[in-house]
Amino acid sequence: MNAKQKYLFDLTGYLHLKDVLATDELSKAKKQSIVYWKYHLINYLRA
C-alpha cells in the first residue's frame, strides 16, 4: 500500500481497489447489497 492508501484505510476502515471485479461482477454485487440492506431495514422497522 502506498501512503495515500494507508491513510484512507485508517480513515474509513476499508480499501478501494480499482479493477478487482469485472463490470458485471460489480453490478451483481451492488444489486445483492441493495437486496440485503432492504431486507434488514424492513425487519428493523418492523421490530
PDB file of N, CA and C in Angstrom:
ATOM      1  N   MET A   1       0.850  -1.184   0.000  1.00  0.00           N
ATOM      2  CA  MET A   1       0.000   0.000   0.000  1.00  0.00           C
ATOM      3  C   MET A   1       0.889   1.239   0.000  1.00  0.00           C
ATOM      4  N   ASN A   2       0.434   2.242  -0.718  1.00  0.00           N
ATOM      5  CA  ASN A   2       1.171   3.496  -0.668  1.00  0.00           C
ATOM      6  C   ASN A   2       0.641   4.345   0.492  1.00  0.00           C
ATOM      7  N   ALA A   3       1.241   5.486   0.734  1.00  0.00           N
ATOM      8  CA  ALA A   3       0.878   6.327   1.877  1.00  0.00           C
ATOM      9  C   ALA A   3      -0.575   6.782   1.818  1.00  0.00           C
ATOM     10  N   LYS A   4      -1.049   7.136   0.628  1.00  0.00           N
ATOM     11  CA  LYS A   4      -2.439   7.582   0.487  1.00  0.00           C
ATOM     12  C   LYS A   4      -3.403   6.446   0.821  1.00  0.00           C
ATOM     13  N   GLN A   5      -3.132   5.236   0.328  1.00  0.00           N
ATOM     14  CA  GLN A   5      -3.988   4.091   0.615  1.00  0.00           C
ATOM     15  C   GLN A   5      -4.012   3.785   2.116  1.00  0.00           C
ATOM     16  N   LYS A   6      -2.861   3.855   2.766  1.00  0.00           N
ATOM     17  CA  LYS A   6      -2.800   3.619   4.213  1.00  0.00           C
ATOM     18  C   LYS A   6      -3.624   4.653   4.966  1.00  0.00           C
ATOM     19  N   TYR A   7      -3.511   5.913   4.561  1.00  0.00           N
ATOM     20  CA  TYR A   7      -4.267   6.981   5.207  1.00  0.00           C
ATOM     21  C   TYR A   7      -5.762   6.743   5.046  1.00  0.00           C
ATOM     22  N   LEU A   8      -6.204   6.456   3.821  1.00  0.00           N
ATOM     23  CA  LEU A   8      -7.625   6.246   3.574  1.00  0.00           C
ATOM     24  C   LEU A   8      -8.144   5.007   4.287  1.00  0.00           C
ATOM     25  N   PHE A   9      -7.311   3.969   4.396  1.00  0.00           N
ATOM     26  CA  PHE A   9      -7.714   2.790   5.147  1.00  0.00           C
ATOM     27  C   PHE A   9      -7.897   3.136   6.619  1.00  0.00           C
ATOM     28  N   ASP A  10      -6.969   3.870   7.186  1.00  0.00           N
ATOM     29  CA  ASP A  10      -7.088   4.297   8.586  1.00  0.00           C
ATOM     30  C   ASP A  10      -8.320   5.169   8.794  1.00  0.00           C
ATOM     31  N   LEU A  11      -8.635   5.987   7.819  1.00  0.00           N
ATOM     32  CA  LEU A  11      -9.758   6.905   7.922  1.00  0.00           C
ATOM     33  C   LEU A  11     -11.100   6.197   7.788  1.00  0.00           C
ATOM     34  N   THR A  12     -11.212   5.282   6.820  1.00  0.00           N
ATOM     35  CA  THR A  12     -12.512   4.684   6.503  1.00  0.00           C
ATOM     36  C   THR A  12     -12.662   3.238   6.947  1.00  0.00           C
ATOM     37  N   GLY A  13     -11.559   2.523   7.094  1.00  0.00           N
ATOM     38  CA  GLY A  13     -11.620   1.131   7.513  1.00  0.00           C
ATOM     39  C   GLY A  13     -11.717   0.138   6.366  1.00  0.00           C
ATOM     40  N   TYR A  14     -11.587   0.600   5.143  1.00  0.00           N
ATOM     41  CA  TYR A  14     -11.590  -0.313   4.005  1.00  0.00           C
ATOM     42  C   TYR A  14     -10.724   0.247   2.889  1.00  0.00           C
ATOM     43  N   LEU A  15     -10.366  -0.620   1.956  1.00  0.00           N
ATOM     44  CA  LEU A  15      -9.556  -0.221   0.810  1.00  0.00           C
ATOM     45  C   LEU A  15     -10.426  -0.101  -0.427  1.00  0.00           C
ATOM     46  N   HIS A  16     -10.100   0.812  -1.288  1.00  0.00           N
ATOM     47  CA  HIS A  16     -10.741   0.939  -2.591  1.00  0.00           C
ATOM     48  C   HIS A  16      -9.737   0.466  -3.624  1.00  0.00           C
ATOM     49  N   LEU A  17     -10.002  -0.704  -4.186  1.00  0.00           N
ATOM     50  CA  LEU A  17      -9.089  -1.286  -5.165  1.00  0.00           C
ATOM     51  C   LEU A  17      -9.737  -1.234  -6.540  1.00  0.00           C
ATOM     52  N   LYS A  18      -9.090  -0.582  -7.465  1.00  0.00           N
ATOM     53  CA  LYS A  18      -9.634  -0.433  -8.807  1.00  0.00           C
ATOM     54  C   LYS A  18      -9.426  -1.705  -9.625  1.00  0.00           C
ATOM     55  N   ASP A  19     -10.398  -2.005 -10.471  1.00  0.00           N
ATOM     56  CA  ASP A  19     -10.331  -3.090 -11.447  1.00  0.00           C
ATOM     57  C   ASP A  19     -10.150  -4.481 -10.837  1.00  0.00           C
ATOM     58  N   VAL A  20     -10.644  -4.682  -9.619  1.00  0.00           N
ATOM     59  CA  VAL A  20     -10.578  -6.004  -9.000  1.00  0.00           C
ATOM     60  C   VAL A  20     -11.711  -6.876  -9.531  1.00  0.00           C
ATOM     61  N   LEU A  21     -12.883  -6.286  -9.696  1.00  0.00           N
ATOM     62  CA  LEU A  21     -14.038  -7.001 -10.233  1.00  0.00           C
ATOM     63  C   LEU A  21     -14.349  -6.500 -11.633  1.00  0.00           C
ATOM     64  N   ALA A  22     -14.851  -7.406 -12.454  1.00  0.00           N
ATOM     65  CA  ALA A  22     -15.328  -7.006 -13.775  1.00  0.00           C
ATOM     66  C   ALA A  22     -16.619  -6.211 -13.602  1.00  0.00           C
ATOM     67  N   THR A  23     -17.008  -5.475 -14.604  1.00  0.00           N
ATOM     68  CA  THR A  23     -18.200  -4.627 -14.529  1.00  0.00           C
ATOM     69  C   THR A  23     -19.445  -5.429 -14.176  1.00  0.00           C
ATOM     70  N   ASP A  24     -19.638  -6.582 -14.786  1.00  0.00           N
ATOM     71  CA  ASP A  24     -20.824  -7.386 -14.489  1.00  0.00           C
ATOM     72  C   ASP A  24     -20.787  -7.951 -13.074  1.00  0.00           C
ATOM     73  N   GLU A  25     -19.599  -8.305 -12.574  1.00  0.00           N
ATOM     74  CA  GLU A  25     -19.473  -8.783 -11.197  1.00  0.00           C
ATOM     75  C   GLU A  25     -19.806  -7.678 -10.206  1.00  0.00           C
ATOM     76  N   LEU A  26     -19.334  -6.486 -10.482  1.00  0.00           N
ATOM     77  CA  LEU A  26     -19.619  -5.351  -9.607  1.00  0.00           C
ATOM     78  C   LEU A  26     -21.105  -5.023  -9.606  1.00  0.00           C
ATOM     79  N   SER A  27     -21.730  -5.085 -10.768  1.00  0.00           N
ATOM     80  CA  SER A  27     -23.159  -4.825 -10.873  1.00  0.00           C
ATOM     81  C   SER A  27     -23.962  -5.833 -10.050  1.00  0.00           C
ATOM     82  N   LYS A  28     -23.605  -7.104 -10.139  1.00  0.00           N
ATOM     83  CA  LYS A  28     -24.287  -8.142  -9.359  1.00  0.00           C
ATOM     84  C   LYS A  28     -24.084  -7.917  -7.863  1.00  0.00           C
ATOM     85  N   ALA A  29     -22.878  -7.557  -7.465  1.00  0.00           N
ATOM     86  CA  ALA A  29     -22.591  -7.318  -6.047  1.00  0.00           C
ATOM     87  C   ALA A  29     -23.394  -6.124  -5.520  1.00  0.00           C
ATOM     88  N   LYS A  30     -23.501  -5.070  -6.312  1.00  0.00           N
ATOM     89  CA  LYS A  30     -24.290  -3.901  -5.904  1.00  0.00           C
ATOM     90  C   LYS A  30     -25.752  -4.265  -5.732  1.00  0.00           C
ATOM     91  N   LYS A  31     -26.290  -5.040  -6.685  1.00  0.00           N
ATOM     92  CA  LYS A  31     -27.692  -5.454  -6.597  1.00  0.00           C
ATOM     93  C   LYS A  31     -27.943  -6.294  -5.354  1.00  0.00           C
ATOM     94  N   GLN A  32     -27.046  -7.222  -5.067  1.00  0.00           N
ATOM     95  CA  GLN A  32     -27.194  -8.059  -3.887  1.00  0.00           C
ATOM     96  C   GLN A  32     -27.076  -7.242  -2.603  1.00  0.00           C
ATOM     97  N   SER A  33     -26.236  -6.241  -2.613  1.00  0.00           N
ATOM     98  CA  SER A  33     -26.099  -5.366  -1.457  1.00  0.00           C
ATOM     99  C   SER A  33     -27.404  -4.619  -1.189  1.00  0.00           C
ATOM    100  N   ILE A  34     -28.034  -4.144  -2.238  1.00  0.00           N
ATOM    101  CA  ILE A  34     -29.314  -3.438  -2.094  1.00  0.00           C
ATOM    102  C   ILE A  34     -30.374  -4.374  -1.533  1.00  0.00           C
ATOM    103  N   VAL A  35     -30.443  -5.594  -2.064  1.00  0.00           N
ATOM    104  CA  VAL A  35     -31.412  -6.587  -1.575  1.00  0.00           C
ATOM    105  C   VAL A  35     -31.168  -6.862  -0.093  1.00  0.00           C
ATOM    106  N   TYR A  36     -29.914  -7.057   0.278  1.00  0.00           N
ATOM    107  CA  TYR A  36     -29.548  -7.344   1.663  1.00  0.00           C
ATOM    108  C   TYR A  36     -29.994  -6.220   2.591  1.00  0.00           C
ATOM    109  N   TRP A  37     -29.656  -4.979   2.257  1.00  0.00           N
ATOM    110  CA  TRP A  37     -29.977  -3.862   3.141  1.00  0.00           C
ATOM    111  C   TRP A  37     -31.460  -3.563   3.188  1.00  0.00           C
ATOM    112  N   LYS A  38     -32.177  -3.733   2.082  1.00  0.00           N
ATOM    113  CA  LYS A  38     -33.631  -3.553   2.110  1.00  0.00           C
ATOM    114  C   LYS A  38     -34.272  -4.566   3.050  1.00  0.00           C
ATOM    115  N   TYR A  39     -33.841  -5.815   2.972  1.00  0.00           N
ATOM    116  CA  TYR A  39     -34.372  -6.871   3.835  1.00  0.00           C
ATOM    117  C   TYR A  39     -34.147  -6.522   5.302  1.00  0.00           C
ATOM    118  N   HIS A  40     -32.934  -6.129   5.647  1.00  0.00           N
ATOM    119  CA  HIS A  40     -32.625  -5.829   7.038  1.00  0.00           C
ATOM    120  C   HIS A  40     -33.291  -4.542   7.505  1.00  0.00           C
ATOM    121  N   LEU A  41     -33.437  -3.562   6.635  1.00  0.00           N
ATOM    122  CA  LEU A  41     -34.128  -2.331   7.010  1.00  0.00           C
ATOM    123  C   LEU A  41     -35.599  -2.614   7.300  1.00  0.00           C
ATOM    124  N   ILE A  42     -36.236  -3.389   6.447  1.00  0.00           N
ATOM    125  CA  ILE A  42     -37.647  -3.739   6.659  1.00  0.00           C
ATOM    126  C   ILE A  42     -37.821  -4.460   7.977  1.00  0.00           C
ATOM    127  N   ASN A  43     -36.955  -5.423   8.256  1.00  0.00           N
ATOM    128  CA  ASN A  43     -37.067  -6.173   9.528  1.00  0.00           C
ATOM    129  C   ASN A  43     -36.761  -5.289  10.720  1.00  0.00           C
ATOM    130  N   TYR A  44     -35.852  -4.341  10.572  1.00  0.00           N
ATOM    131  CA  TYR A  44     -35.543  -3.413  11.664  1.00  0.00           C
ATOM    132  C   TYR A  44     -36.747  -2.530  11.960  1.00  0.00           C
ATOM    133  N   LEU A  45     -37.400  -2.052  10.919  1.00  0.00           N
ATOM    134  CA  LEU A  45     -38.534  -1.160  11.119  1.00  0.00           C
ATOM    135  C   LEU A  45     -39.742  -1.898  11.688  1.00  0.00           C
ATOM    136  N   ARG A  46     -39.842  -3.191  11.452  1.00  0.00           N
ATOM    137  CA  ARG A  46     -40.950  -3.990  11.991  1.00  0.00           C
ATOM    138  C   ARG A  46     -40.776  -4.239  13.468  1.00  0.00           C
ATOM    139  N   ALA A  47     -39.559  -4.233  13.956  1.00  0.00           N
ATOM    140  CA  ALA A  47     -39.271  -4.579  15.362  1.00  0.00           C
ATOM    141  C   ALA A  47     -39.711  -3.484  16.301  1.00  0.00           C
TER     142      ALA A  47
END
